C-alpha atoms as a PDB file:
ATOM      1  CA  MET A   1      13.993   1.126 -27.418  1.00  0.00           C
ATOM      2  CA  ASP A   2      13.898  -2.533 -26.265  1.00  0.00           C
ATOM      3  CA  GLU A   3      10.870  -3.850 -24.459  1.00  0.00           C
ATOM      4  CA  ALA A   4      11.447  -5.272 -20.937  1.00  0.00           C
ATOM      5  CA  PRO A   5      11.112  -9.165 -20.865  1.00  0.00           C
ATOM      6  CA  SER A   6       7.693 -10.334 -19.817  1.00  0.00           C
ATOM      7  CA  ALA A   7       9.065 -12.096 -16.681  1.00  0.00           C
ATOM      8  CA  ASP A   8      10.151  -8.611 -15.378  1.00  0.00           C
ATOM      9  CA  TYR A   9       6.497  -7.464 -15.334  1.00  0.00           C
ATOM     10  CA  ILE A  10       5.549 -10.532 -13.329  1.00  0.00           C
ATOM     11  CA  TYR A  11       8.304  -9.813 -10.686  1.00  0.00           C
ATOM     12  CA  ALA A  12       7.434  -6.071 -10.589  1.00  0.00           C
ATOM     13  CA  GLY A  13       3.730  -6.749 -10.192  1.00  0.00           C
ATOM     14  CA  CYS A  14       4.318  -9.243  -7.393  1.00  0.00           C
ATOM     15  CA  ILE A  15       6.662  -6.959  -5.607  1.00  0.00           C
ATOM     16  CA  ILE A  16       4.262  -3.981  -5.936  1.00  0.00           C
ATOM     17  CA  GLY A  17       1.411  -6.110  -4.689  1.00  0.00           C
ATOM     18  CA  ILE A  18       3.339  -7.451  -1.589  1.00  0.00           C
ATOM     19  CA  ILE A  19       4.512  -3.955  -0.665  1.00  0.00           C
ATOM     20  CA  GLY A  20       1.018  -2.597  -1.048  1.00  0.00           C
ATOM     21  CA  LEU A  21      -0.411  -5.383   1.039  1.00  0.00           C
ATOM     22  CA  VAL A  22       2.129  -4.845   3.839  1.00  0.00           C
ATOM     23  CA  GLY A  23       1.317  -1.097   3.741  1.00  0.00           C
ATOM     24  CA  VAL A  24      -2.427  -1.685   4.004  1.00  0.00           C
ATOM     25  CA  ILE A  25      -1.934  -4.049   6.905  1.00  0.00           C
ATOM     26  CA  THR A  26       0.454  -1.886   8.873  1.00  0.00           C
ATOM     27  CA  ASN A  27      -1.429   1.336   8.321  1.00  0.00           C
ATOM     28  CA  GLY A  28      -4.665  -0.473   9.290  1.00  0.00           C
ATOM     29  CA  LEU A  29      -3.011  -1.636  12.556  1.00  0.00           C
ATOM     30  CA  GLY A  30      -1.794   1.995  13.058  1.00  0.00           C
ATOM     31  CA  ILE A  31      -5.372   3.310  12.727  1.00  0.00           C
ATOM     32  CA  TYR A  32      -6.599   0.607  15.049  1.00  0.00           C
ATOM     33  CA  THR A  33      -3.879   1.406  17.605  1.00  0.00           C
ATOM     34  CA  VAL A  34      -4.637   5.165  17.605  1.00  0.00           C
ATOM     35  CA  LYS A  35      -8.364   4.445  18.000  1.00  0.00           C
ATOM     36  CA  ARG A  36      -7.902   1.964  20.908  1.00  0.00           C
ATOM     37  CA  CYS A  37      -5.093   3.549  22.913  1.00  0.00           C
ATOM     38  CA  ARG A  38      -6.308   6.356  25.088  1.00  0.00           C
ATOM     39  CA  HIS A  39      -2.868   7.824  25.341  1.00  0.00           C
ATOM     40  CA  LEU A  40      -3.052   8.739  21.723  1.00  0.00           C
ATOM     41  CA  HIS A  41      -6.278  10.634  21.991  1.00  0.00           C
ATOM     42  CA  ASN A  42      -4.426  13.975  21.621  1.00  0.00           C
ATOM     43  CA  SER A  43      -3.113  16.160  18.766  1.00  0.00           C
ATOM     44  CA  PHE A  44      -0.131  13.810  18.147  1.00  0.00           C
ATOM     45  CA  GLY A  45      -2.478  10.826  17.930  1.00  0.00           C
ATOM     46  CA  TYR A  46      -4.746  12.641  15.471  1.00  0.00           C
ATOM     47  CA  LEU A  47      -1.765  13.634  13.394  1.00  0.00           C
ATOM     48  CA  CYS A  48      -0.622   9.998  13.243  1.00  0.00           C
ATOM     49  CA  LEU A  49      -4.203   8.903  12.395  1.00  0.00           C
ATOM     50  CA  SER A  50      -4.292  11.470   9.484  1.00  0.00           C
ATOM     51  CA  HIS A  51      -0.996  10.153   8.178  1.00  0.00           C
ATOM     52  CA  CYS A  52      -2.103   6.466   8.515  1.00  0.00           C
ATOM     53  CA  ILE A  53      -5.324   7.148   6.577  1.00  0.00           C
ATOM     54  CA  ALA A  54      -3.495   8.883   3.792  1.00  0.00           C
ATOM     55  CA  ASN A  55      -0.849   6.216   3.522  1.00  0.00           C
ATOM     56  CA  LEU A  56      -3.564   3.539   3.605  1.00  0.00           C
ATOM     57  CA  GLY A  57      -5.107   5.100   0.534  1.00  0.00           C
ATOM     58  CA  VAL A  58      -1.847   5.202  -1.292  1.00  0.00           C
ATOM     59  CA  CYS A  59      -0.977   1.637  -0.455  1.00  0.00           C
ATOM     60  CA  ALA A  60      -4.503   0.403  -1.359  1.00  0.00           C
ATOM     61  CA  THR A  61      -4.064   2.113  -4.716  1.00  0.00           C
ATOM     62  CA  PHE A  62      -0.826   0.333  -5.324  1.00  0.00           C
ATOM     63  CA  LEU A  63      -2.491  -2.989  -4.260  1.00  0.00           C
ATOM     64  CA  ILE A  64      -5.707  -2.631  -6.103  1.00  0.00           C
ATOM     65  CA  TRP A  65      -4.613  -0.725  -9.334  1.00  0.00           C
ATOM     66  CA  CYS A  66      -0.844  -0.628  -9.856  1.00  0.00           C
ATOM     67  CA  ALA A  67      -0.061  -4.315  -9.206  1.00  0.00           C
ATOM     68  CA  PRO A  68      -2.819  -5.806 -11.434  1.00  0.00           C
ATOM     69  CA  THR A  69      -2.033  -3.292 -14.220  1.00  0.00           C
ATOM     70  CA  THR A  70       1.613  -4.270 -14.114  1.00  0.00           C
ATOM     71  CA  LEU A  71       0.680  -7.964 -14.246  1.00  0.00           C
ATOM     72  CA  ALA A  72      -1.678  -7.323 -17.168  1.00  0.00           C
ATOM     73  CA  MET A  73       1.242  -5.739 -19.106  1.00  0.00           C
ATOM     74  CA  HIS A  74       2.668  -9.255 -19.163  1.00  0.00           C
ATOM     75  CA  GLN A  75       0.002 -10.600 -21.484  1.00  0.00           C
ATOM     76  CA  SER A  76       0.328  -7.689 -24.034  1.00  0.00           C
END
């Protein structure tokens, strides 16, 4: 099986990093909005908060682990 060209790892790592960063920012804003807005201090708001926290963890994993690992594959 042919190995992917090294430039593909750079593109993939950058795309994963950008998507992870956008996800961390938007979910952080979602958490901030639910905490600040009194209209969301109900069961719907707490459900949204729970989803934002979980999504923030997934996006942070992509940003902190997946993107650098993909970029490191470029050197090997």
